[in-house]
Protein backbone atom coordinates (compact mmCIF):
# COMPACT_ATOMS: atom_id res chain seq x y z
CA UNK A 1 18.77 15.64 2.74
CA UNK A 2 17.85 12.84 0.35
CA UNK A 3 14.93 10.48 0.87
CA UNK A 4 15.81 6.91 1.85
CA UNK A 5 15.56 4.28 -0.86
CA UNK A 6 13.43 1.26 -0.03
CA UNK A 7 14.24 -1.86 -2.02
CA UNK A 8 11.94 -4.28 -0.23
CA UNK A 9 9.60 -4.65 2.72
CA UNK A 10 12.44 -5.25 5.20
CA UNK A 11 14.03 -1.91 4.33
CA UNK A 12 10.73 -0.19 4.93
CA UNK A 13 9.19 -2.10 7.81
CA UNK A 14 12.08 -3.93 9.46
CA UNK A 15 10.49 -7.35 8.85
CA UNK A 16 12.19 -9.83 6.53
CA UNK A 17 10.72 -12.84 4.77
CA UNK A 18 12.84 -15.04 7.05
CA UNK A 19 10.73 -13.80 9.97
CA UNK A 20 7.46 -14.81 8.27
CA UNK A 21 6.38 -18.31 9.27
CA UNK A 22 6.05 -20.80 6.45
CA UNK A 23 3.12 -23.17 6.24
CA UNK A 24 2.84 -26.79 5.32
CA UNK A 25 -0.07 -27.69 3.08
CA UNK A 26 -1.96 -29.17 6.05
CA UNK A 27 -1.75 -25.96 8.12
CA UNK A 28 -4.01 -22.97 7.96
CA UNK A 29 -2.83 -19.42 8.39
CA UNK A 30 -4.40 -17.44 11.18
CA UNK A 31 -3.27 -13.84 11.47
CA UNK A 32 -1.82 -12.77 14.77
CA UNK A 33 -2.78 -9.25 15.68
CA UNK A 34 0.25 -7.04 15.62
CA UNK A 35 0.49 -3.65 17.25
CA UNK A 36 2.08 -1.18 14.85
CA UNK A 37 3.36 2.29 15.58
CA UNK A 38 2.00 5.11 13.46
CA UNK A 39 5.24 5.35 11.51
CA UNK A 40 5.28 1.59 10.81
CA UNK A 41 1.67 1.75 9.64
CA UNK A 42 2.33 4.71 7.35
CA UNK A 43 5.42 3.02 5.90
CA UNK A 44 3.59 -0.25 5.29
CA UNK A 45 0.63 1.51 3.67
CA UNK A 46 2.98 3.61 1.53
CA UNK A 47 4.79 0.54 0.22
CA UNK A 48 1.55 -1.32 -0.30
CA UNK A 49 -0.11 1.38 -2.42
CA UNK A 50 2.52 1.55 -5.19
CA UNK A 51 3.53 5.15 -4.41
CA UNK A 52 5.51 6.07 -7.53
CA UNK A 53 2.74 5.28 -10.05
CA UNK A 54 0.16 6.85 -7.70
CA UNK A 55 2.09 10.10 -7.49
CA UNK A 56 2.83 10.09 -11.24
CA UNK A 57 -0.82 9.69 -12.20
CA UNK A 58 -1.84 12.34 -9.68
CA UNK A 59 0.78 14.79 -10.97
CA UNK A 60 -0.38 14.33 -14.55
CA UNK A 61 -4.00 14.85 -13.55
CA UNK A 62 -3.08 17.96 -11.53
CA UNK A 63 -1.33 19.34 -14.59
CA UNK A 64 -4.37 18.64 -16.74
CA UNK A 65 -6.60 20.28 -14.13
CA UNK A 66 -4.37 23.37 -14.25
CA UNK A 67 -4.52 23.42 -18.06
CA UNK A 68 -8.31 23.14 -17.93
CA UNK A 69 -8.35 26.28 -15.75
CA UNK A 70 -10.77 24.77 -13.24
CA UNK A 71 -11.58 26.71 -10.09
CA UNK A 72 -9.18 25.82 -7.27
CA UNK A 73 -11.78 23.93 -5.22
CA UNK A 74 -12.95 21.81 -8.13
CA UNK A 75 -9.36 21.20 -9.23
CA UNK A 76 -8.43 20.00 -5.75
CA UNK A 77 -11.46 17.72 -5.69
CA UNK A 78 -10.59 16.18 -9.07
CA UNK A 79 -6.93 15.75 -8.15
CA UNK A 80 -7.84 14.20 -4.79
CA UNK A 81 -10.27 11.80 -6.44
CA UNK A 82 -7.64 10.74 -8.96
CA UNK A 83 -5.09 10.24 -6.15
CA UNK A 84 -7.34 7.94 -4.13
CA UNK A 85 -8.00 5.66 -7.13
CA UNK A 86 -4.52 4.11 -7.32
CA UNK A 87 -4.36 3.96 -3.51
CA UNK A 88 -7.52 1.85 -3.32
CA UNK A 89 -6.32 -0.37 -6.17
CA UNK A 90 -2.94 -1.02 -4.53
CA UNK A 91 -4.39 -1.71 -1.10
CA UNK A 92 -7.21 -3.93 -2.38
CA UNK A 93 -4.67 -5.86 -4.46
CA UNK A 94 -2.58 -6.54 -1.38
CA UNK A 95 -5.68 -7.54 0.58
CA UNK A 96 -7.03 -9.88 -2.10
CA UNK A 97 -3.69 -11.39 -3.14
CA UNK A 98 -2.19 -11.81 0.35
CA UNK A 99 -2.03 -15.60 0.25
CA UNK A 100 -0.73 -15.71 -3.32
CA UNK A 101 1.93 -13.07 -2.59
CA UNK A 102 2.97 -14.99 0.53
CA UNK A 103 3.16 -18.27 -1.40
CA UNK A 104 5.55 -16.80 -3.97
CA UNK A 105 7.55 -14.98 -1.25
CA UNK A 106 6.88 -11.41 -2.41
CA UNK A 107 9.24 -9.47 -0.18
CA UNK A 108 8.00 -6.12 -1.54
CA UNK A 109 4.47 -6.63 -0.16
CA UNK A 110 3.94 -5.70 3.52
CA UNK A 111 0.93 -8.01 3.85
CA UNK A 112 2.86 -10.97 2.39
CA UNK A 113 5.81 -10.42 4.72
CA UNK A 114 3.59 -10.09 7.77
CA UNK A 115 4.54 -6.45 8.33
CA UNK A 116 0.88 -5.48 7.97
CA UNK A 117 -2.29 -7.46 8.51
CA UNK A 118 -4.50 -8.03 5.45
CA UNK A 119 -7.45 -6.39 7.17
CA UNK A 120 -5.50 -3.12 7.47
CA UNK A 121 -4.98 -3.07 3.69
CA UNK A 122 -8.65 -3.96 3.17
CA UNK A 123 -9.88 -1.19 5.46
CA UNK A 124 -7.53 1.32 3.78
CA UNK A 125 -8.86 0.28 0.36
CA UNK A 126 -12.47 0.79 1.44
CA UNK A 127 -11.70 4.17 2.98
CA UNK A 128 -9.78 5.32 -0.15
CA UNK A 129 -12.59 4.25 -2.45
CA UNK A 130 -15.29 5.99 -0.40
């Protein structure tokens, strides 16, 4: 069974840019708290973290760890640390650039489309960098 291909945030989260309210320059944006299912949250976080580069960097580092002949525990620690780096970068980018991404209608960003609240990406970034 092949994995589904996600081309944009609507494919992944079911929310399209047409469903995201637009703002006039005189309005301010106040997030409305949205209840997400676990699967919606995981999908939004996965799209937000740039999964392909994250997995590629982690795979290369795991290969280097294997070549270095590190003990299994230390190798797992190094690989895990390398994996969380790109995650925290992707999530913090979505948190910090939410308004800019929304202004340029980035449909590939869950925070910009409203599929995920900015604070969720910010919390995920802090947790990943800890």
